Each structure stands twice: as structure tokens, then as C-alpha cells.
Amino acid sequence: MSHKKVEVNPDLYDLVSVLTKSLSDELKDMIRGAEEENYSLVREKIHSSKGAALTFGFTAYAKELEVMREFTLKQDANGLCNSLTRLKLLLENAVFVPAE
């Protein structure tokens, strides 16, 4: 996967490191929740991650979270695992830049 540029409101750009740390921590919690089949924990983390991602213009991440939410509602462990992998790649390959 190539790097994906994410344009961030210049007023929020200084907080990108806080965003990426938060999303990374919540992703770890979602992985743990998936391993424990704790779908309510995963949905809780999806909700907070989606809000943060959308605030910073990280729409690809937010869209994948929506897909993942559907997997949690169906309790589809395989789909959830695949979605978590895609989130990890999106987070690793995002390059945040100030919007012009």
C-alpha cells in the first residue's frame, strides 16, 4: 500500500501526533476486543476513533471503521480481523499534511 496523503485543517495540524497516538491505542484495544470476542468494546472504540478521524479529515480510516462496525454487528470475526488489518495499514501509511 502506498502512502496516503491526508490533508488536515492547519489549525489542527499541531495535534496530528495526538491523533495518531490515540488511533493507534484505540486500534490496539479493538484488536484485543476482537481476540476476546468483546464486540461491544470494539464498537465503543470504533465510535470514538471515527469521530477523531473525521475531525482530522482522515476519511478513508473513518470509512473502514464503518465497514468494521457492520462486522461487529454481525459478529463476523473473519471480517473484523480483515478490517483491523486494513486499519493498521491505513494508519501506518498515512502522511498528514496541512490543508492549503
PDB file of N, CA and C in Angstrom:
ATOM      1  N   MET A   1       0.851  -1.180   0.000  1.00  0.00           N
ATOM      2  CA  MET A   1       0.000   0.000   0.000  1.00  0.00           C
ATOM      3  C   MET A   1       0.891   1.235   0.000  1.00  0.00           C
ATOM      4  N   SER A   2       0.583   2.181  -0.877  1.00  0.00           N
ATOM      5  CA  SER A   2       1.367   3.401  -0.942  1.00  0.00           C
ATOM      6  C   SER A   2       0.913   4.374   0.143  1.00  0.00           C
ATOM      7  N   HIS A   3       1.747   5.379   0.346  1.00  0.00           N
ATOM      8  CA  HIS A   3       1.391   6.384   1.346  1.00  0.00           C
ATOM      9  C   HIS A   3       0.166   7.155   0.879  1.00  0.00           C
ATOM     10  N   LYS A   4      -0.718   7.418   1.812  1.00  0.00           N
ATOM     11  CA  LYS A   4      -1.962   8.126   1.528  1.00  0.00           C
ATOM     12  C   LYS A   4      -1.894   9.484   2.207  1.00  0.00           C
ATOM     13  N   LYS A   5      -1.972  10.539   1.392  1.00  0.00           N
ATOM     14  CA  LYS A   5      -1.911  11.892   1.941  1.00  0.00           C
ATOM     15  C   LYS A   5      -3.257  12.250   2.567  1.00  0.00           C
ATOM     16  N   VAL A   6      -3.203  12.776   3.775  1.00  0.00           N
ATOM     17  CA  VAL A   6      -4.387  13.228   4.490  1.00  0.00           C
ATOM     18  C   VAL A   6      -4.193  14.716   4.760  1.00  0.00           C
ATOM     19  N   GLU A   7      -5.077  15.518   4.168  1.00  0.00           N
ATOM     20  CA  GLU A   7      -4.987  16.960   4.368  1.00  0.00           C
ATOM     21  C   GLU A   7      -5.753  17.349   5.624  1.00  0.00           C
ATOM     22  N   VAL A   8      -5.051  18.000   6.537  1.00  0.00           N
ATOM     23  CA  VAL A   8      -5.591  18.357   7.849  1.00  0.00           C
ATOM     24  C   VAL A   8      -5.757  19.870   7.932  1.00  0.00           C
ATOM     25  N   ASN A   9      -6.854  20.305   8.535  1.00  0.00           N
ATOM     26  CA  ASN A   9      -7.061  21.716   8.799  1.00  0.00           C
ATOM     27  C   ASN A   9      -5.802  22.262   9.485  1.00  0.00           C
ATOM     28  N   PRO A  10      -5.228  23.349   8.950  1.00  0.00           N
ATOM     29  CA  PRO A  10      -3.989  23.883   9.543  1.00  0.00           C
ATOM     30  C   PRO A  10      -4.105  24.177  11.038  1.00  0.00           C
ATOM     31  N   ASP A  11      -5.298  24.540  11.506  1.00  0.00           N
ATOM     32  CA  ASP A  11      -5.490  24.831  12.933  1.00  0.00           C
ATOM     33  C   ASP A  11      -5.328  23.570  13.793  1.00  0.00           C
ATOM     34  N   LEU A  12      -5.514  22.401  13.184  1.00  0.00           N
ATOM     35  CA  LEU A  12      -5.408  21.146  13.925  1.00  0.00           C
ATOM     36  C   LEU A  12      -4.092  20.413  13.674  1.00  0.00           C
ATOM     37  N   TYR A  13      -3.319  20.901  12.715  1.00  0.00           N
ATOM     38  CA  TYR A  13      -2.127  20.161  12.293  1.00  0.00           C
ATOM     39  C   TYR A  13      -1.161  19.861  13.441  1.00  0.00           C
ATOM     40  N   ASP A  14      -1.018  20.778  14.380  1.00  0.00           N
ATOM     41  CA  ASP A  14      -0.105  20.563  15.512  1.00  0.00           C
ATOM     42  C   ASP A  14      -0.542  19.398  16.396  1.00  0.00           C
ATOM     43  N   LEU A  15      -1.793  18.960  16.253  1.00  0.00           N
ATOM     44  CA  LEU A  15      -2.324  17.881  17.085  1.00  0.00           C
ATOM     45  C   LEU A  15      -2.289  16.515  16.387  1.00  0.00           C
ATOM     46  N   VAL A  16      -1.681  16.440  15.206  1.00  0.00           N
ATOM     47  CA  VAL A  16      -1.650  15.176  14.458  1.00  0.00           C
ATOM     48  C   VAL A  16      -0.986  14.065  15.268  1.00  0.00           C
ATOM     49  N   SER A  17       0.071  14.378  16.000  1.00  0.00           N
ATOM     50  CA  SER A  17       0.737  13.332  16.787  1.00  0.00           C
ATOM     51  C   SER A  17      -0.186  12.787  17.874  1.00  0.00           C
ATOM     52  N   VAL A  18      -1.029  13.646  18.426  1.00  0.00           N
ATOM     53  CA  VAL A  18      -2.008  13.212  19.424  1.00  0.00           C
ATOM     54  C   VAL A  18      -3.036  12.293  18.756  1.00  0.00           C
ATOM     55  N   LEU A  19      -3.480  12.673  17.559  1.00  0.00           N
ATOM     56  CA  LEU A  19      -4.436  11.855  16.821  1.00  0.00           C
ATOM     57  C   LEU A  19      -3.859  10.465  16.530  1.00  0.00           C
ATOM     58  N   THR A  20      -2.666  10.424  15.978  1.00  0.00           N
ATOM     59  CA  THR A  20      -2.107   9.121  15.591  1.00  0.00           C
ATOM     60  C   THR A  20      -1.855   8.241  16.810  1.00  0.00           C
ATOM     61  N   LYS A  21      -1.451   8.829  17.910  1.00  0.00           N
ATOM     62  CA  LYS A  21      -1.257   8.046  19.143  1.00  0.00           C
ATOM     63  C   LYS A  21      -2.598   7.513  19.637  1.00  0.00           C
ATOM     64  N   SER A  22      -3.612   8.360  19.626  1.00  0.00           N
ATOM     65  CA  SER A  22      -4.939   7.956  20.066  1.00  0.00           C
ATOM     66  C   SER A  22      -5.501   6.847  19.181  1.00  0.00           C
ATOM     67  N   LEU A  23      -5.414   7.020  17.856  1.00  0.00           N
ATOM     68  CA  LEU A  23      -5.923   5.991  16.941  1.00  0.00           C
ATOM     69  C   LEU A  23      -5.164   4.689  17.102  1.00  0.00           C
ATOM     70  N   SER A  24      -3.858   4.780  17.307  1.00  0.00           N
ATOM     71  CA  SER A  24      -3.044   3.582  17.499  1.00  0.00           C
ATOM     72  C   SER A  24      -3.443   2.851  18.779  1.00  0.00           C
ATOM     73  N   ASP A  25      -3.635   3.602  19.857  1.00  0.00           N
ATOM     74  CA  ASP A  25      -4.043   2.988  21.126  1.00  0.00           C
ATOM     75  C   ASP A  25      -5.424   2.350  21.008  1.00  0.00           C
ATOM     76  N   GLU A  26      -6.346   3.055  20.347  1.00  0.00           N
ATOM     77  CA  GLU A  26      -7.693   2.514  20.187  1.00  0.00           C
ATOM     78  C   GLU A  26      -7.696   1.299  19.274  1.00  0.00           C
ATOM     79  N   LEU A  27      -6.820   1.291  18.275  1.00  0.00           N
ATOM     80  CA  LEU A  27      -6.700   0.125  17.395  1.00  0.00           C
ATOM     81  C   LEU A  27      -6.225  -1.088  18.195  1.00  0.00           C
ATOM     82  N   LYS A  28      -5.272  -0.879  19.086  1.00  0.00           N
ATOM     83  CA  LYS A  28      -4.801  -1.979  19.952  1.00  0.00           C
ATOM     84  C   LYS A  28      -5.945  -2.507  20.813  1.00  0.00           C
ATOM     85  N   ASP A  29      -6.762  -1.587  21.331  1.00  0.00           N
ATOM     86  CA  ASP A  29      -7.920  -2.004  22.129  1.00  0.00           C
ATOM     87  C   ASP A  29      -8.920  -2.788  21.279  1.00  0.00           C
ATOM     88  N   MET A  30      -9.114  -2.355  20.023  1.00  0.00           N
ATOM     89  CA  MET A  30     -10.033  -3.067  19.134  1.00  0.00           C
ATOM     90  C   MET A  30      -9.510  -4.472  18.819  1.00  0.00           C
ATOM     91  N   ILE A  31      -8.211  -4.584  18.624  1.00  0.00           N
ATOM     92  CA  ILE A  31      -7.613  -5.903  18.353  1.00  0.00           C
ATOM     93  C   ILE A  31      -7.816  -6.812  19.562  1.00  0.00           C
ATOM     94  N   ARG A  32      -7.572  -6.273  20.753  1.00  0.00           N
ATOM     95  CA  ARG A  32      -7.787  -7.053  21.977  1.00  0.00           C
ATOM     96  C   ARG A  32      -9.259  -7.448  22.105  1.00  0.00           C
ATOM     97  N   GLY A  33     -10.145  -6.506  21.834  1.00  0.00           N
ATOM     98  CA  GLY A  33     -11.575  -6.785  21.891  1.00  0.00           C
ATOM     99  C   GLY A  33     -11.976  -7.867  20.910  1.00  0.00           C
ATOM    100  N   ALA A  34     -11.405  -7.826  19.715  1.00  0.00           N
ATOM    101  CA  ALA A  34     -11.714  -8.845  18.705  1.00  0.00           C
ATOM    102  C   ALA A  34     -11.215 -10.214  19.164  1.00  0.00           C
ATOM    103  N   GLU A  35     -10.013 -10.241  19.727  1.00  0.00           N
ATOM    104  CA  GLU A  35      -9.449 -11.505  20.213  1.00  0.00           C
ATOM    105  C   GLU A  35     -10.309 -12.106  21.325  1.00  0.00           C
ATOM    106  N   GLU A  36     -10.896 -11.232  22.142  1.00  0.00           N
ATOM    107  CA  GLU A  36     -11.734 -11.683  23.263  1.00  0.00           C
ATOM    108  C   GLU A  36     -13.206 -11.807  22.873  1.00  0.00           C
ATOM    109  N   GLU A  37     -13.508 -11.532  21.592  1.00  0.00           N
ATOM    110  CA  GLU A  37     -14.888 -11.524  21.098  1.00  0.00           C
ATOM    111  C   GLU A  37     -15.765 -10.566  21.909  1.00  0.00           C
ATOM    112  N   ASN A  38     -15.159  -9.467  22.323  1.00  0.00           N
ATOM    113  CA  ASN A  38     -15.848  -8.417  23.060  1.00  0.00           C
ATOM    114  C   ASN A  38     -16.286  -7.352  22.048  1.00  0.00           C
ATOM    115  N   TYR A  39     -17.389  -7.636  21.352  1.00  0.00           N
ATOM    116  CA  TYR A  39     -17.830  -6.773  20.265  1.00  0.00           C
ATOM    117  C   TYR A  39     -18.306  -5.412  20.756  1.00  0.00           C
ATOM    118  N   SER A  40     -18.817  -5.331  21.972  1.00  0.00           N
ATOM    119  CA  SER A  40     -19.256  -4.025  22.483  1.00  0.00           C
ATOM    120  C   SER A  40     -18.053  -3.103  22.700  1.00  0.00           C
ATOM    121  N   LEU A  41     -16.935  -3.646  23.176  1.00  0.00           N
ATOM    122  CA  LEU A  41     -15.718  -2.843  23.325  1.00  0.00           C
ATOM    123  C   LEU A  41     -15.253  -2.354  21.957  1.00  0.00           C
ATOM    124  N   VAL A  42     -15.265  -3.238  20.978  1.00  0.00           N
ATOM    125  CA  VAL A  42     -14.828  -2.852  19.631  1.00  0.00           C
ATOM    126  C   VAL A  42     -15.716  -1.740  19.089  1.00  0.00           C
ATOM    127  N   ARG A  43     -17.028  -1.871  19.241  1.00  0.00           N
ATOM    128  CA  ARG A  43     -17.944  -0.828  18.752  1.00  0.00           C
ATOM    129  C   ARG A  43     -17.702   0.506  19.468  1.00  0.00           C
ATOM    130  N   GLU A  44     -17.429   0.447  20.762  1.00  0.00           N
ATOM    131  CA  GLU A  44     -17.146   1.666  21.530  1.00  0.00           C
ATOM    132  C   GLU A  44     -15.914   2.374  20.966  1.00  0.00           C
ATOM    133  N   LYS A  45     -14.873   1.610  20.684  1.00  0.00           N
ATOM    134  CA  LYS A  45     -13.631   2.177  20.148  1.00  0.00           C
ATOM    135  C   LYS A  45     -13.817   2.664  18.715  1.00  0.00           C
ATOM    136  N   ILE A  46     -14.659   1.963  17.945  1.00  0.00           N
ATOM    137  CA  ILE A  46     -14.960   2.402  16.584  1.00  0.00           C
ATOM    138  C   ILE A  46     -15.581   3.793  16.636  1.00  0.00           C
ATOM    139  N   HIS A  47     -16.517   3.980  17.528  1.00  0.00           N
ATOM    140  CA  HIS A  47     -17.236   5.249  17.637  1.00  0.00           C
ATOM    141  C   HIS A  47     -16.280   6.407  17.938  1.00  0.00           C
ATOM    142  N   SER A  48     -15.426   6.232  18.927  1.00  0.00           N
ATOM    143  CA  SER A  48     -14.515   7.331  19.290  1.00  0.00           C
ATOM    144  C   SER A  48     -13.449   7.548  18.213  1.00  0.00           C
ATOM    145  N   SER A  49     -12.957   6.465  17.611  1.00  0.00           N
ATOM    146  CA  SER A  49     -11.944   6.598  16.557  1.00  0.00           C
ATOM    147  C   SER A  49     -12.520   7.296  15.330  1.00  0.00           C
ATOM    148  N   LYS A  50     -13.755   6.959  14.987  1.00  0.00           N
ATOM    149  CA  LYS A  50     -14.372   7.549  13.805  1.00  0.00           C
ATOM    150  C   LYS A  50     -14.512   9.058  13.970  1.00  0.00           C
ATOM    151  N   GLY A  51     -14.956   9.498  15.144  1.00  0.00           N
ATOM    152  CA  GLY A  51     -15.084  10.928  15.391  1.00  0.00           C
ATOM    153  C   GLY A  51     -13.756  11.660  15.260  1.00  0.00           C
ATOM    154  N   ALA A  52     -12.719  11.077  15.822  1.00  0.00           N
ATOM    155  CA  ALA A  52     -11.388  11.690  15.745  1.00  0.00           C
ATOM    156  C   ALA A  52     -10.888  11.715  14.301  1.00  0.00           C
ATOM    157  N   ALA A  53     -11.053  10.605  13.606  1.00  0.00           N
ATOM    158  CA  ALA A  53     -10.582  10.524  12.220  1.00  0.00           C
ATOM    159  C   ALA A  53     -11.284  11.566  11.351  1.00  0.00           C
ATOM    160  N   LEU A  54     -12.597  11.689  11.504  1.00  0.00           N
ATOM    161  CA  LEU A  54     -13.343  12.655  10.700  1.00  0.00           C
ATOM    162  C   LEU A  54     -12.954  14.096  11.030  1.00  0.00           C
ATOM    163  N   THR A  55     -12.695  14.371  12.293  1.00  0.00           N
ATOM    164  CA  THR A  55     -12.277  15.716  12.701  1.00  0.00           C
ATOM    165  C   THR A  55     -11.006  16.134  11.976  1.00  0.00           C
ATOM    166  N   PHE A  56     -10.110  15.162  11.749  1.00  0.00           N
ATOM    167  CA  PHE A  56      -8.826  15.459  11.124  1.00  0.00           C
ATOM    168  C   PHE A  56      -8.819  15.194   9.620  1.00  0.00           C
ATOM    169  N   GLY A  57      -9.972  14.863   9.039  1.00  0.00           N
ATOM    170  CA  GLY A  57     -10.032  14.648   7.601  1.00  0.00           C
ATOM    171  C   GLY A  57      -9.521  13.296   7.133  1.00  0.00           C
ATOM    172  N   PHE A  58      -9.408  12.350   8.048  1.00  0.00           N
ATOM    173  CA  PHE A  58      -8.899  11.014   7.723  1.00  0.00           C
ATOM    174  C   PHE A  58     -10.104  10.147   7.327  1.00  0.00           C
ATOM    175  N   THR A  59     -10.707  10.489   6.185  1.00  0.00           N
ATOM    176  CA  THR A  59     -11.965   9.862   5.789  1.00  0.00           C
ATOM    177  C   THR A  59     -11.815   8.388   5.420  1.00  0.00           C
ATOM    178  N   ALA A  60     -10.700   8.002   4.830  1.00  0.00           N
ATOM    179  CA  ALA A  60     -10.510   6.585   4.472  1.00  0.00           C
ATOM    180  C   ALA A  60     -10.555   5.719   5.730  1.00  0.00           C
ATOM    181  N   TYR A  61      -9.971   6.205   6.797  1.00  0.00           N
ATOM    182  CA  TYR A  61      -9.962   5.479   8.073  1.00  0.00           C
ATOM    183  C   TYR A  61     -11.387   5.395   8.628  1.00  0.00           C
ATOM    184  N   ALA A  62     -12.093   6.519   8.578  1.00  0.00           N
ATOM    185  CA  ALA A  62     -13.472   6.551   9.082  1.00  0.00           C
ATOM    186  C   ALA A  62     -14.376   5.609   8.284  1.00  0.00           C
ATOM    187  N   LYS A  63     -14.182   5.552   6.968  1.00  0.00           N
ATOM    188  CA  LYS A  63     -14.985   4.645   6.135  1.00  0.00           C
ATOM    189  C   LYS A  63     -14.714   3.191   6.489  1.00  0.00           C
ATOM    190  N   GLU A  64     -13.464   2.862   6.732  1.00  0.00           N
ATOM    191  CA  GLU A  64     -13.137   1.479   7.117  1.00  0.00           C
ATOM    192  C   GLU A  64     -13.737   1.158   8.478  1.00  0.00           C
ATOM    193  N   LEU A  65     -13.773   2.127   9.371  1.00  0.00           N
ATOM    194  CA  LEU A  65     -14.411   1.905  10.670  1.00  0.00           C
ATOM    195  C   LEU A  65     -15.898   1.590  10.508  1.00  0.00           C
ATOM    196  N   GLU A  66     -16.557   2.236   9.548  1.00  0.00           N
ATOM    197  CA  GLU A  66     -17.967   1.945   9.278  1.00  0.00           C
ATOM    198  C   GLU A  66     -18.136   0.502   8.806  1.00  0.00           C
ATOM    199  N   VAL A  67     -17.248   0.068   7.924  1.00  0.00           N
ATOM    200  CA  VAL A  67     -17.271  -1.321   7.446  1.00  0.00           C
ATOM    201  C   VAL A  67     -17.081  -2.262   8.633  1.00  0.00           C
ATOM    202  N   MET A  68     -16.129  -1.931   9.483  1.00  0.00           N
ATOM    203  CA  MET A  68     -15.825  -2.772  10.632  1.00  0.00           C
ATOM    204  C   MET A  68     -17.001  -2.830  11.605  1.00  0.00           C
ATOM    205  N   ARG A  69     -17.708  -1.736  11.737  1.00  0.00           N
ATOM    206  CA  ARG A  69     -18.883  -1.720  12.626  1.00  0.00           C
ATOM    207  C   ARG A  69     -19.896  -2.765  12.175  1.00  0.00           C
ATOM    208  N   GLU A  70     -20.082  -2.880  10.884  1.00  0.00           N
ATOM    209  CA  GLU A  70     -21.019  -3.880  10.354  1.00  0.00           C
ATOM    210  C   GLU A  70     -20.554  -5.290  10.725  1.00  0.00           C
ATOM    211  N   PHE A  71     -19.259  -5.528  10.650  1.00  0.00           N
ATOM    212  CA  PHE A  71     -18.728  -6.846  11.028  1.00  0.00           C
ATOM    213  C   PHE A  71     -18.973  -7.132  12.509  1.00  0.00           C
ATOM    214  N   THR A  72     -18.871  -6.100  13.345  1.00  0.00           N
ATOM    215  CA  THR A  72     -19.106  -6.331  14.776  1.00  0.00           C
ATOM    216  C   THR A  72     -20.577  -6.626  15.034  1.00  0.00           C
ATOM    217  N   LEU A  73     -21.457  -5.946  14.306  1.00  0.00           N
ATOM    218  CA  LEU A  73     -22.884  -6.193  14.493  1.00  0.00           C
ATOM    219  C   LEU A  73     -23.260  -7.616  14.088  1.00  0.00           C
ATOM    220  N   LYS A  74     -22.590  -8.126  13.064  1.00  0.00           N
ATOM    221  CA  LYS A  74     -22.835  -9.499  12.601  1.00  0.00           C
ATOM    222  C   LYS A  74     -22.009 -10.521  13.386  1.00  0.00           C
ATOM    223  N   GLN A  75     -21.136 -10.013  14.236  1.00  0.00           N
ATOM    224  CA  GLN A  75     -20.173 -10.840  14.978  1.00  0.00           C
ATOM    225  C   GLN A  75     -19.385 -11.735  14.010  1.00  0.00           C
ATOM    226  N   ASP A  76     -18.944 -11.106  12.924  1.00  0.00           N
ATOM    227  CA  ASP A  76     -18.154 -11.755  11.879  1.00  0.00           C
ATOM    228  C   ASP A  76     -16.674 -11.586  12.219  1.00  0.00           C
ATOM    229  N   ALA A  77     -16.114 -12.585  12.891  1.00  0.00           N
ATOM    230  CA  ALA A  77     -14.732 -12.493  13.368  1.00  0.00           C
ATOM    231  C   ALA A  77     -13.733 -12.382  12.219  1.00  0.00           C
ATOM    232  N   ASN A  78     -13.964 -13.105  11.127  1.00  0.00           N
ATOM    233  CA  ASN A  78     -13.049 -13.058   9.994  1.00  0.00           C
ATOM    234  C   ASN A  78     -13.067 -11.689   9.331  1.00  0.00           C
ATOM    235  N   GLY A  79     -14.263 -11.162   9.083  1.00  0.00           N
ATOM    236  CA  GLY A  79     -14.378  -9.827   8.503  1.00  0.00           C
ATOM    237  C   GLY A  79     -13.761  -8.778   9.403  1.00  0.00           C
ATOM    238  N   LEU A  80     -13.980  -8.916  10.697  1.00  0.00           N
ATOM    239  CA  LEU A  80     -13.423  -7.986  11.672  1.00  0.00           C
ATOM    240  C   LEU A  80     -11.896  -8.012  11.633  1.00  0.00           C
ATOM    241  N   CYS A  81     -11.330  -9.194  11.566  1.00  0.00           N
ATOM    242  CA  CYS A  81      -9.873  -9.342  11.504  1.00  0.00           C
ATOM    243  C   CYS A  81      -9.313  -8.666  10.246  1.00  0.00           C
ATOM    244  N   ASN A  82      -9.959  -8.891   9.107  1.00  0.00           N
ATOM    245  CA  ASN A  82      -9.508  -8.273   7.859  1.00  0.00           C
ATOM    246  C   ASN A  82      -9.608  -6.754   7.927  1.00  0.00           C
ATOM    247  N   SER A  83     -10.664  -6.267   8.520  1.00  0.00           N
ATOM    248  CA  SER A  83     -10.852  -4.835   8.650  1.00  0.00           C
ATOM    249  C   SER A  83      -9.799  -4.219   9.575  1.00  0.00           C
ATOM    250  N   LEU A  84      -9.488  -4.895  10.652  1.00  0.00           N
ATOM    251  CA  LEU A  84      -8.443  -4.419  11.563  1.00  0.00           C
ATOM    252  C   LEU A  84      -7.103  -4.325  10.843  1.00  0.00           C
ATOM    253  N   THR A  85      -6.814  -5.289   9.992  1.00  0.00           N
ATOM    254  CA  THR A  85      -5.572  -5.264   9.210  1.00  0.00           C
ATOM    255  C   THR A  85      -5.557  -4.051   8.282  1.00  0.00           C
ATOM    256  N   ARG A  86      -6.684  -3.774   7.634  1.00  0.00           N
ATOM    257  CA  ARG A  86      -6.757  -2.606   6.746  1.00  0.00           C
ATOM    258  C   ARG A  86      -6.581  -1.307   7.537  1.00  0.00           C
ATOM    259  N   LEU A  87      -7.174  -1.217   8.725  1.00  0.00           N
ATOM    260  CA  LEU A  87      -6.995  -0.023   9.563  1.00  0.00           C
ATOM    261  C   LEU A  87      -5.528   0.178   9.926  1.00  0.00           C
ATOM    262  N   LYS A  88      -4.876  -0.905  10.286  1.00  0.00           N
ATOM    263  CA  LYS A  88      -3.459  -0.825  10.655  1.00  0.00           C
ATOM    264  C   LYS A  88      -2.634  -0.289   9.484  1.00  0.00           C
ATOM    265  N   LEU A  89      -2.915  -0.798   8.284  1.00  0.00           N
ATOM    266  CA  LEU A  89      -2.196  -0.328   7.098  1.00  0.00           C
ATOM    267  C   LEU A  89      -2.509   1.132   6.788  1.00  0.00           C
ATOM    268  N   LEU A  90      -3.764   1.508   6.904  1.00  0.00           N
ATOM    269  CA  LEU A  90      -4.132   2.911   6.669  1.00  0.00           C
ATOM    270  C   LEU A  90      -3.388   3.833   7.630  1.00  0.00           C
ATOM    271  N   LEU A  91      -3.330   3.451   8.888  1.00  0.00           N
ATOM    272  CA  LEU A  91      -2.662   4.274   9.895  1.00  0.00           C
ATOM    273  C   LEU A  91      -1.158   4.345   9.642  1.00  0.00           C
ATOM    274  N   GLU A  92      -0.575   3.210   9.297  1.00  0.00           N
ATOM    275  CA  GLU A  92       0.876   3.168   9.046  1.00  0.00           C
ATOM    276  C   GLU A  92       1.270   3.965   7.809  1.00  0.00           C
ATOM    277  N   ASN A  93       0.392   4.033   6.814  1.00  0.00           N
ATOM    278  CA  ASN A  93       0.737   4.646   5.538  1.00  0.00           C
ATOM    279  C   ASN A  93       0.198   6.054   5.352  1.00  0.00           C
ATOM    280  N   ALA A  94      -0.476   6.578   6.357  1.00  0.00           N
ATOM    281  CA  ALA A  94      -0.996   7.943   6.249  1.00  0.00           C
ATOM    282  C   ALA A  94       0.117   8.970   6.411  1.00  0.00           C
ATOM    283  N   VAL A  95       0.085   9.955   5.538  1.00  0.00           N
ATOM    284  CA  VAL A  95       1.007  11.081   5.630  1.00  0.00           C
ATOM    285  C   VAL A  95       0.127  12.320   5.803  1.00  0.00           C
ATOM    286  N   PHE A  96       0.215  12.929   6.968  1.00  0.00           N
ATOM    287  CA  PHE A  96      -0.619  14.077   7.293  1.00  0.00           C
ATOM    288  C   PHE A  96       0.088  15.357   6.872  1.00  0.00           C
ATOM    289  N   VAL A  97      -0.644  16.199   6.133  1.00  0.00           N
ATOM    290  CA  VAL A  97      -0.093  17.474   5.670  1.00  0.00           C
ATOM    291  C   VAL A  97      -1.133  18.563   5.950  1.00  0.00           C
ATOM    292  N   PRO A  98      -0.675  19.790   6.172  1.00  0.00           N
ATOM    293  CA  PRO A  98      -1.645  20.871   6.368  1.00  0.00           C
ATOM    294  C   PRO A  98      -2.410  21.136   5.069  1.00  0.00           C
ATOM    295  N   ALA A  99      -3.717  21.276   5.174  1.00  0.00           N
ATOM    296  CA  ALA A  99      -4.524  21.617   4.001  1.00  0.00           C
ATOM    297  C   ALA A  99      -4.198  23.047   3.576  1.00  0.00           C
ATOM    298  N   GLU A 100      -4.299  23.264   2.300  1.00  0.00           N
ATOM    299  CA  GLU A 100      -3.977  24.614   1.785  1.00  0.00           C
ATOM    300  C   GLU A 100      -5.219  25.461   1.703  1.00  0.00           C
TER     301      GLU A 100
END
